[in-house]
């Protein structure tokens, strides 16, 4: 949460949408993350499709 709030402060207010691309790790779907998205509506969490490791460049 501290990291997301730090990034939120770093991004200019003129930016209308912020997309965070995430894998399906369970910690990315916690209550704190959901509350962050509610508190900062310009953020959108985009998740990789399951079983699509080829899209995650760290996997190979």
PDB file of N, CA and C in Angstrom:
ATOM      1  N   UNK A   1       0.823  -1.179   0.000  1.00  0.00           N
ATOM      2  CA  UNK A   1       0.000   0.000   0.000  1.00  0.00           C
ATOM      3  C   UNK A   1       0.874   1.252   0.000  1.00  0.00           C
ATOM      4  N   UNK A   2       1.954   1.225   0.750  1.00  0.00           N
ATOM      5  CA  UNK A   2       2.855   2.374   0.765  1.00  0.00           C
ATOM      6  C   UNK A   2       3.404   2.656  -0.636  1.00  0.00           C
ATOM      7  N   UNK A   3       3.754   1.581  -1.352  1.00  0.00           N
ATOM      8  CA  UNK A   3       4.270   1.749  -2.707  1.00  0.00           C
ATOM      9  C   UNK A   3       3.226   2.389  -3.618  1.00  0.00           C
ATOM     10  N   UNK A   4       1.992   1.891  -3.574  1.00  0.00           N
ATOM     11  CA  UNK A   4       0.939   2.456  -4.423  1.00  0.00           C
ATOM     12  C   UNK A   4       0.677   3.920  -4.092  1.00  0.00           C
ATOM     13  N   UNK A   5       0.667   4.257  -2.827  1.00  0.00           N
ATOM     14  CA  UNK A   5       0.452   5.656  -2.441  1.00  0.00           C
ATOM     15  C   UNK A   5       1.625   6.536  -2.856  1.00  0.00           C
ATOM     16  N   UNK A   6       2.836   5.991  -2.816  1.00  0.00           N
ATOM     17  CA  UNK A   6       4.007   6.751  -3.279  1.00  0.00           C
ATOM     18  C   UNK A   6       3.908   7.012  -4.787  1.00  0.00           C
ATOM     19  N   UNK A   7       3.515   5.988  -5.545  1.00  0.00           N
ATOM     20  CA  UNK A   7       3.354   6.156  -6.989  1.00  0.00           C
ATOM     21  C   UNK A   7       2.230   7.145  -7.286  1.00  0.00           C
ATOM     22  N   UNK A   8       1.147   7.062  -6.538  1.00  0.00           N
ATOM     23  CA  UNK A   8       0.022   8.001  -6.713  1.00  0.00           C
ATOM     24  C   UNK A   8       0.493   9.440  -6.527  1.00  0.00           C
ATOM     25  N   UNK A   9       1.330   9.684  -5.541  1.00  0.00           N
ATOM     26  CA  UNK A   9       1.836  11.037  -5.298  1.00  0.00           C
ATOM     27  C   UNK A   9       2.799  11.482  -6.398  1.00  0.00           C
ATOM     28  N   UNK A  10       3.490  10.542  -7.016  1.00  0.00           N
ATOM     29  CA  UNK A  10       4.478  10.846  -8.045  1.00  0.00           C
ATOM     30  C   UNK A  10       3.832  11.174  -9.392  1.00  0.00           C
ATOM     31  N   UNK A  11       2.692  10.565  -9.698  1.00  0.00           N
ATOM     32  CA  UNK A  11       2.029  10.761 -10.987  1.00  0.00           C
ATOM     33  C   UNK A  11       1.304  12.108 -10.980  1.00  0.00           C
ATOM     34  N   UNK A  12       1.488  12.904 -12.043  1.00  0.00           N
ATOM     35  CA  UNK A  12       0.830  14.221 -12.088  1.00  0.00           C
ATOM     36  C   UNK A  12      -0.690  14.113 -12.012  1.00  0.00           C
ATOM     37  N   UNK A  13      -1.314  15.096 -11.392  1.00  0.00           N
ATOM     38  CA  UNK A  13      -2.782  15.119 -11.253  1.00  0.00           C
ATOM     39  C   UNK A  13      -3.480  15.213 -12.611  1.00  0.00           C
ATOM     40  N   UNK A  14      -2.771  15.692 -13.632  1.00  0.00           N
ATOM     41  CA  UNK A  14      -3.375  15.829 -14.959  1.00  0.00           C
ATOM     42  C   UNK A  14      -3.570  14.471 -15.656  1.00  0.00           C
ATOM     43  N   UNK A  15      -2.932  13.419 -15.144  1.00  0.00           N
ATOM     44  CA  UNK A  15      -3.101  12.084 -15.707  1.00  0.00           C
ATOM     45  C   UNK A  15      -4.480  11.568 -15.323  1.00  0.00           C
ATOM     46  N   UNK A  16      -5.273  11.213 -16.334  1.00  0.00           N
ATOM     47  CA  UNK A  16      -6.657  10.827 -16.065  1.00  0.00           C
ATOM     48  C   UNK A  16      -6.815   9.361 -15.692  1.00  0.00           C
ATOM     49  N   UNK A  17      -5.994   8.474 -16.271  1.00  0.00           N
ATOM     50  CA  UNK A  17      -6.099   7.042 -15.975  1.00  0.00           C
ATOM     51  C   UNK A  17      -4.714   6.485 -15.680  1.00  0.00           C
ATOM     52  N   UNK A  18      -4.662   5.590 -14.714  1.00  0.00           N
ATOM     53  CA  UNK A  18      -3.432   4.882 -14.369  1.00  0.00           C
ATOM     54  C   UNK A  18      -3.764   3.394 -14.424  1.00  0.00           C
ATOM     55  N   UNK A  19      -3.038   2.664 -15.262  1.00  0.00           N
ATOM     56  CA  UNK A  19      -3.260   1.232 -15.392  1.00  0.00           C
ATOM     57  C   UNK A  19      -2.103   0.494 -14.729  1.00  0.00           C
ATOM     58  N   UNK A  20      -2.421  -0.364 -13.783  1.00  0.00           N
ATOM     59  CA  UNK A  20      -1.429  -1.222 -13.137  1.00  0.00           C
ATOM     60  C   UNK A  20      -1.646  -2.630 -13.661  1.00  0.00           C
ATOM     61  N   UNK A  21      -0.634  -3.180 -14.336  1.00  0.00           N
ATOM     62  CA  UNK A  21      -0.738  -4.517 -14.906  1.00  0.00           C
ATOM     63  C   UNK A  21      -0.125  -5.490 -13.907  1.00  0.00           C
ATOM     64  N   UNK A  22      -0.940  -6.449 -13.459  1.00  0.00           N
ATOM     65  CA  UNK A  22      -0.547  -7.355 -12.386  1.00  0.00           C
ATOM     66  C   UNK A  22      -0.716  -8.799 -12.799  1.00  0.00           C
ATOM     67  N   UNK A  23       0.056  -9.671 -12.141  1.00  0.00           N
ATOM     68  CA  UNK A  23      -0.211 -11.096 -12.311  1.00  0.00           C
ATOM     69  C   UNK A  23      -1.290 -11.501 -11.311  1.00  0.00           C
ATOM     70  N   UNK A  24      -1.598 -12.759 -11.223  1.00  0.00           N
ATOM     71  CA  UNK A  24      -2.712 -13.213 -10.387  1.00  0.00           C
ATOM     72  C   UNK A  24      -2.295 -13.620  -8.981  1.00  0.00           C
ATOM     73  N   UNK A  25      -1.248 -13.042  -8.463  1.00  0.00           N
ATOM     74  CA  UNK A  25      -0.828 -13.313  -7.098  1.00  0.00           C
ATOM     75  C   UNK A  25      -1.937 -12.894  -6.136  1.00  0.00           C
ATOM     76  N   UNK A  26      -2.207 -13.702  -5.154  1.00  0.00           N
ATOM     77  CA  UNK A  26      -3.345 -13.441  -4.265  1.00  0.00           C
ATOM     78  C   UNK A  26      -3.207 -12.118  -3.501  1.00  0.00           C
ATOM     79  N   UNK A  27      -1.987 -11.679  -3.235  1.00  0.00           N
ATOM     80  CA  UNK A  27      -1.815 -10.412  -2.508  1.00  0.00           C
ATOM     81  C   UNK A  27      -2.246  -9.202  -3.338  1.00  0.00           C
ATOM     82  N   UNK A  28      -2.381  -9.366  -4.644  1.00  0.00           N
ATOM     83  CA  UNK A  28      -2.839  -8.263  -5.494  1.00  0.00           C
ATOM     84  C   UNK A  28      -4.356  -8.080  -5.427  1.00  0.00           C
ATOM     85  N   UNK A  29      -5.044  -8.990  -4.753  1.00  0.00           N
ATOM     86  CA  UNK A  29      -6.504  -8.926  -4.649  1.00  0.00           C
ATOM     87  C   UNK A  29      -6.970  -8.770  -3.196  1.00  0.00           C
ATOM     88  N   UNK A  30      -6.117  -8.242  -2.356  1.00  0.00           N
ATOM     89  CA  UNK A  30      -6.470  -8.100  -0.943  1.00  0.00           C
ATOM     90  C   UNK A  30      -7.440  -6.938  -0.736  1.00  0.00           C
ATOM     91  N   UNK A  31      -7.999  -6.874   0.443  1.00  0.00           N
ATOM     92  CA  UNK A  31      -8.935  -5.805   0.792  1.00  0.00           C
ATOM     93  C   UNK A  31      -8.265  -4.445   0.703  1.00  0.00           C
ATOM     94  N   UNK A  32      -7.004  -4.357   1.110  1.00  0.00           N
ATOM     95  CA  UNK A  32      -6.289  -3.075   1.048  1.00  0.00           C
ATOM     96  C   UNK A  32      -6.176  -2.560  -0.382  1.00  0.00           C
ATOM     97  N   UNK A  33      -5.884  -3.454  -1.315  1.00  0.00           N
ATOM     98  CA  UNK A  33      -5.775  -3.050  -2.724  1.00  0.00           C
ATOM     99  C   UNK A  33      -7.132  -2.607  -3.251  1.00  0.00           C
ATOM    100  N   UNK A  34      -8.166  -3.336  -2.909  1.00  0.00           N
ATOM    101  CA  UNK A  34      -9.518  -2.945  -3.348  1.00  0.00           C
ATOM    102  C   UNK A  34      -9.919  -1.590  -2.769  1.00  0.00           C
ATOM    103  N   UNK A  35      -9.574  -1.341  -1.519  1.00  0.00           N
ATOM    104  CA  UNK A  35      -9.874  -0.045  -0.904  1.00  0.00           C
ATOM    105  C   UNK A  35      -9.064   1.073  -1.553  1.00  0.00           C
ATOM    106  N   UNK A  36      -7.827   0.770  -1.948  1.00  0.00           N
ATOM    107  CA  UNK A  36      -7.006   1.761  -2.658  1.00  0.00           C
ATOM    108  C   UNK A  36      -7.668   2.161  -3.969  1.00  0.00           C
ATOM    109  N   UNK A  37      -8.162   1.172  -4.717  1.00  0.00           N
ATOM    110  CA  UNK A  37      -8.823   1.457  -6.003  1.00  0.00           C
ATOM    111  C   UNK A  37     -10.086   2.288  -5.788  1.00  0.00           C
ATOM    112  N   UNK A  38     -10.788   2.037  -4.715  1.00  0.00           N
ATOM    113  CA  UNK A  38     -11.971   2.851  -4.409  1.00  0.00           C
ATOM    114  C   UNK A  38     -11.588   4.278  -4.025  1.00  0.00           C
ATOM    115  N   UNK A  39     -10.488   4.427  -3.307  1.00  0.00           N
ATOM    116  CA  UNK A  39     -10.058   5.750  -2.865  1.00  0.00           C
ATOM    117  C   UNK A  39      -9.463   6.569  -4.013  1.00  0.00           C
ATOM    118  N   UNK A  40      -8.867   5.893  -5.000  1.00  0.00           N
ATOM    119  CA  UNK A  40      -8.241   6.566  -6.143  1.00  0.00           C
ATOM    120  C   UNK A  40      -8.874   6.030  -7.426  1.00  0.00           C
ATOM    121  N   UNK A  41      -9.996   6.594  -7.840  1.00  0.00           N
ATOM    122  CA  UNK A  41     -10.751   6.022  -8.970  1.00  0.00           C
ATOM    123  C   UNK A  41     -10.044   6.100 -10.318  1.00  0.00           C
ATOM    124  N   UNK A  42      -8.991   6.879 -10.454  1.00  0.00           N
ATOM    125  CA  UNK A  42      -8.299   6.919 -11.745  1.00  0.00           C
ATOM    126  C   UNK A  42      -7.435   5.682 -11.971  1.00  0.00           C
ATOM    127  N   UNK A  43      -7.215   4.890 -10.929  1.00  0.00           N
ATOM    128  CA  UNK A  43      -6.443   3.660 -11.029  1.00  0.00           C
ATOM    129  C   UNK A  43      -7.315   2.515 -11.509  1.00  0.00           C
ATOM    130  N   UNK A  44      -6.747   1.696 -12.382  1.00  0.00           N
ATOM    131  CA  UNK A  44      -7.422   0.469 -12.810  1.00  0.00           C
ATOM    132  C   UNK A  44      -6.411  -0.663 -12.757  1.00  0.00           C
ATOM    133  N   UNK A  45      -6.768  -1.721 -12.070  1.00  0.00           N
ATOM    134  CA  UNK A  45      -5.909  -2.897 -11.965  1.00  0.00           C
ATOM    135  C   UNK A  45      -6.274  -3.850 -13.095  1.00  0.00           C
ATOM    136  N   UNK A  46      -5.289  -4.194 -13.918  1.00  0.00           N
ATOM    137  CA  UNK A  46      -5.494  -5.088 -15.051  1.00  0.00           C
ATOM    138  C   UNK A  46      -4.691  -6.359 -14.767  1.00  0.00           C
ATOM    139  N   UNK A  47      -5.362  -7.503 -14.770  1.00  0.00           N
ATOM    140  CA  UNK A  47      -4.715  -8.763 -14.433  1.00  0.00           C
ATOM    141  C   UNK A  47      -4.422  -9.577 -15.684  1.00  0.00           C
ATOM    142  N   UNK A  48      -3.255 -10.262 -15.672  1.00  0.00           N
ATOM    143  CA  UNK A  48      -2.921 -11.194 -16.745  1.00  0.00           C
ATOM    144  C   UNK A  48      -3.947 -12.312 -16.761  1.00  0.00           C
ATOM    145  N   UNK A  49      -4.258 -12.838 -17.929  1.00  0.00           N
ATOM    146  CA  UNK A  49      -5.123 -14.017 -17.957  1.00  0.00           C
ATOM    147  C   UNK A  49      -4.410 -15.200 -17.292  1.00  0.00           C
ATOM    148  N   UNK A  50      -5.167 -16.037 -16.619  1.00  0.00           N
ATOM    149  CA  UNK A  50      -4.559 -17.235 -16.021  1.00  0.00           C
ATOM    150  C   UNK A  50      -4.056 -18.151 -17.136  1.00  0.00           C
ATOM    151  N   UNK A  51      -3.005 -18.862 -16.856  1.00  0.00           N
ATOM    152  CA  UNK A  51      -2.382 -19.798 -17.802  1.00  0.00           C
ATOM    153  C   UNK A  51      -1.857 -19.083 -19.045  1.00  0.00           C
ATOM    154  N   UNK A  52      -1.375 -17.869 -18.879  1.00  0.00           N
ATOM    155  CA  UNK A  52      -0.778 -17.129 -19.992  1.00  0.00           C
ATOM    156  C   UNK A  52       0.589 -16.609 -19.567  1.00  0.00           C
ATOM    157  N   UNK A  53       1.442 -17.536 -19.127  1.00  0.00           N
ATOM    158  CA  UNK A  53       2.767 -17.151 -18.640  1.00  0.00           C
ATOM    159  C   UNK A  53       3.600 -16.472 -19.725  1.00  0.00           C
ATOM    160  N   UNK A  54       3.312 -16.749 -20.986  1.00  0.00           N
ATOM    161  CA  UNK A  54       4.071 -16.131 -22.078  1.00  0.00           C
ATOM    162  C   UNK A  54       3.888 -14.612 -22.112  1.00  0.00           C
ATOM    163  N   UNK A  55       2.848 -14.089 -21.484  1.00  0.00           N
ATOM    164  CA  UNK A  55       2.642 -12.640 -21.431  1.00  0.00           C
ATOM    165  C   UNK A  55       3.487 -11.973 -20.345  1.00  0.00           C
ATOM    166  N   UNK A  56       3.924 -12.754 -19.366  1.00  0.00           N
ATOM    167  CA  UNK A  56       4.735 -12.236 -18.272  1.00  0.00           C
ATOM    168  C   UNK A  56       6.199 -12.386 -18.671  1.00  0.00           C
ATOM    169  N   UNK A  57       6.881 -11.301 -18.957  1.00  0.00           N
ATOM    170  CA  UNK A  57       8.243 -11.351 -19.463  1.00  0.00           C
ATOM    171  C   UNK A  57       9.248 -11.867 -18.441  1.00  0.00           C
ATOM    172  N   UNK A  58       8.865 -11.938 -17.185  1.00  0.00           N
ATOM    173  CA  UNK A  58       9.765 -12.448 -16.149  1.00  0.00           C
ATOM    174  C   UNK A  58       9.758 -13.974 -16.134  1.00  0.00           C
ATOM    175  N   UNK A  59       8.688 -14.612 -16.561  1.00  0.00           N
ATOM    176  CA  UNK A  59       8.564 -16.063 -16.499  1.00  0.00           C
ATOM    177  C   UNK A  59       9.664 -16.823 -17.234  1.00  0.00           C
ATOM    178  N   UNK A  60      10.047 -16.442 -18.476  1.00  0.00           N
ATOM    179  CA  UNK A  60      11.088 -17.233 -19.177  1.00  0.00           C
ATOM    180  C   UNK A  60      12.404 -17.131 -18.453  1.00  0.00           C
TER     181      UNK A  60
END
